[in-house]
Amino acid sequence: MTKSPNNESDLKKRITAACVGLVFISETDSPVEPFFGRRPAKSKSIEIEFDRFFDRLTARKDWHTKRNVKNTDGFAKLKALLEAELDDLRVYRVGEVQIDIFVIGRDKHGKTAGVKMKAVET
């Protein structure tokens, strides 16, 4: 896949903008935040298939409120942005009960970029 020629700063701005107002819903609501750093240690995490992770977040339901539809559309746009700009996309769940979720890949410079959110599962 050919990535756009945008610079790293532009990518950070676009990922940050795509996160504005997005909420990951579990037993608590967590804002979706941009992430730029190292990948989580594989031995302490569970990997989820990228498309499978986004299937639930991007699927519209008959019972969705306007807020739900806005969130679903936002996750669809975020998914498209990450697919267009990052290679080797992965989703990692780190922890138990209070879980950190990282959706990350590599930018054209080989640096890790993506988003993070929290989930609570009891």
Protein backbone atom coordinates (compact mmCIF):
# COMPACT_ATOMS: atom_id res chain seq x y z
CA MET A 1 0.00 0.00 0.00
CA THR A 2 1.36 3.42 -0.91
CA LYS A 3 1.17 5.90 1.91
CA SER A 4 0.55 9.58 1.38
CA PRO A 5 3.60 11.86 1.33
CA ASN A 6 2.40 13.89 4.34
CA ASN A 7 4.90 14.59 7.07
CA GLU A 8 4.85 13.13 10.57
CA SER A 9 3.46 16.31 12.13
CA ASP A 10 0.54 16.33 9.69
CA LEU A 11 -0.25 12.70 10.48
CA LYS A 12 -0.25 13.45 14.21
CA LYS A 13 -2.66 16.33 13.64
CA ARG A 14 -4.99 14.19 11.53
CA ILE A 15 -5.02 11.32 14.03
CA THR A 16 -5.61 13.78 16.87
CA ALA A 17 -8.48 15.42 14.94
CA ALA A 18 -10.03 12.02 14.18
CA CYS A 19 -10.10 11.24 17.92
CA VAL A 20 -12.03 14.37 18.91
CA GLY A 21 -15.35 13.33 20.42
CA LEU A 22 -14.83 9.59 19.95
CA VAL A 23 -15.81 7.41 22.89
CA PHE A 24 -15.03 3.72 23.39
CA ILE A 25 -17.94 2.22 25.31
CA SER A 26 -17.48 -0.67 27.71
CA GLU A 27 -18.52 -0.73 31.36
CA THR A 28 -17.18 2.80 31.32
CA ASP A 29 -16.86 5.37 28.56
CA SER A 30 -13.29 6.14 27.53
CA PRO A 31 -12.12 8.87 25.21
CA VAL A 32 -10.11 7.68 22.22
CA GLU A 33 -6.70 9.35 22.31
CA PRO A 34 -3.84 9.59 19.82
CA PHE A 35 -0.86 7.36 20.57
CA PHE A 36 2.72 7.77 19.42
CA GLY A 37 5.28 5.56 21.11
CA ARG A 38 6.43 2.00 21.45
CA ARG A 39 4.28 -1.06 20.96
CA PRO A 40 3.12 -2.83 24.13
CA ALA A 41 5.05 -5.95 25.12
CA LYS A 42 3.50 -8.91 23.31
CA SER A 43 3.97 -11.23 26.29
CA LYS A 44 1.69 -9.04 28.39
CA SER A 45 -0.97 -8.43 25.77
CA ILE A 46 -3.61 -10.13 23.66
CA GLU A 47 -3.72 -9.28 19.97
CA ILE A 48 -7.07 -8.81 18.23
CA GLU A 49 -7.51 -8.77 14.46
CA PHE A 50 -7.80 -5.14 13.26
CA ASP A 51 -10.95 -5.52 11.11
CA ARG A 52 -12.71 -7.62 13.76
CA PHE A 53 -12.05 -4.94 16.39
CA PHE A 54 -13.57 -2.23 14.20
CA ASP A 55 -16.55 -4.33 13.04
CA ARG A 56 -18.48 -3.69 16.26
CA LEU A 57 -17.45 -0.04 16.42
CA THR A 58 -18.49 0.80 12.85
CA ALA A 59 -21.74 -1.21 12.59
CA ARG A 60 -24.92 0.85 12.70
CA LYS A 61 -27.90 -0.56 14.60
CA ASP A 62 -31.60 0.31 14.37
CA TRP A 63 -31.63 1.38 18.01
CA HIS A 64 -28.70 3.81 17.70
CA THR A 65 -29.23 7.33 18.97
CA LYS A 66 -27.76 10.34 17.16
CA ARG A 67 -24.80 10.12 19.55
CA ASN A 68 -24.26 6.44 18.68
CA VAL A 69 -24.42 7.18 14.94
CA LYS A 70 -21.92 10.03 15.31
CA ASN A 71 -19.57 7.72 17.24
CA THR A 72 -19.98 4.91 14.68
CA ASP A 73 -19.23 7.31 11.82
CA GLY A 74 -16.22 8.63 13.72
CA PHE A 75 -14.80 5.14 14.19
CA ALA A 76 -15.32 4.43 10.47
CA LYS A 77 -13.36 7.58 9.57
CA LEU A 78 -10.64 6.73 12.08
CA LYS A 79 -10.33 3.20 10.69
CA ALA A 80 -10.04 4.54 7.14
CA LEU A 81 -7.37 7.06 8.20
CA LEU A 82 -5.30 4.43 10.01
CA GLU A 83 -5.57 2.03 7.05
CA ALA A 84 -4.53 4.75 4.61
CA GLU A 85 -1.56 6.02 6.62
CA LEU A 86 -0.16 3.10 8.62
CA ASP A 87 1.24 -0.33 7.80
CA ASP A 88 1.25 -3.43 9.98
CA LEU A 89 -1.92 -2.44 11.86
CA ARG A 90 -2.46 -4.27 15.13
CA VAL A 91 -4.83 -4.11 18.08
CA TYR A 92 -3.51 -5.01 21.52
CA ARG A 93 -5.44 -5.45 24.76
CA VAL A 94 -3.24 -5.06 27.82
CA GLY A 95 -4.40 -5.94 31.31
CA GLU A 96 -7.40 -7.57 32.94
CA VAL A 97 -10.58 -5.86 34.17
CA GLN A 98 -9.06 -2.41 33.53
CA ILE A 99 -7.76 -2.86 30.01
CA ASP A 100 -5.64 -0.58 27.86
CA ILE A 101 -6.40 -0.98 24.16
CA PHE A 102 -3.86 0.14 21.55
CA VAL A 103 -4.66 0.32 17.82
CA ILE A 104 -1.28 0.92 16.24
CA GLY A 105 0.79 0.60 13.11
CA ARG A 106 3.93 1.97 11.50
CA ASP A 107 4.06 5.27 9.66
CA LYS A 108 6.13 5.78 6.52
CA HIS A 109 9.16 6.54 8.72
CA GLY A 110 8.78 3.29 10.68
CA LYS A 111 7.52 5.01 13.83
CA THR A 112 4.63 3.65 15.87
CA ALA A 113 1.41 5.65 15.67
CA GLY A 114 -2.26 5.06 16.34
CA VAL A 115 -4.79 5.45 19.11
CA LYS A 116 -5.41 4.18 22.61
CA MET A 117 -8.45 3.80 24.83
CA LYS A 118 -9.48 2.06 28.03
CA ALA A 119 -12.06 -0.61 28.70
CA VAL A 120 -13.45 -1.92 31.98
CA GLU A 121 -14.72 -5.48 31.96
CA THR A 122 -15.86 -7.13 35.17
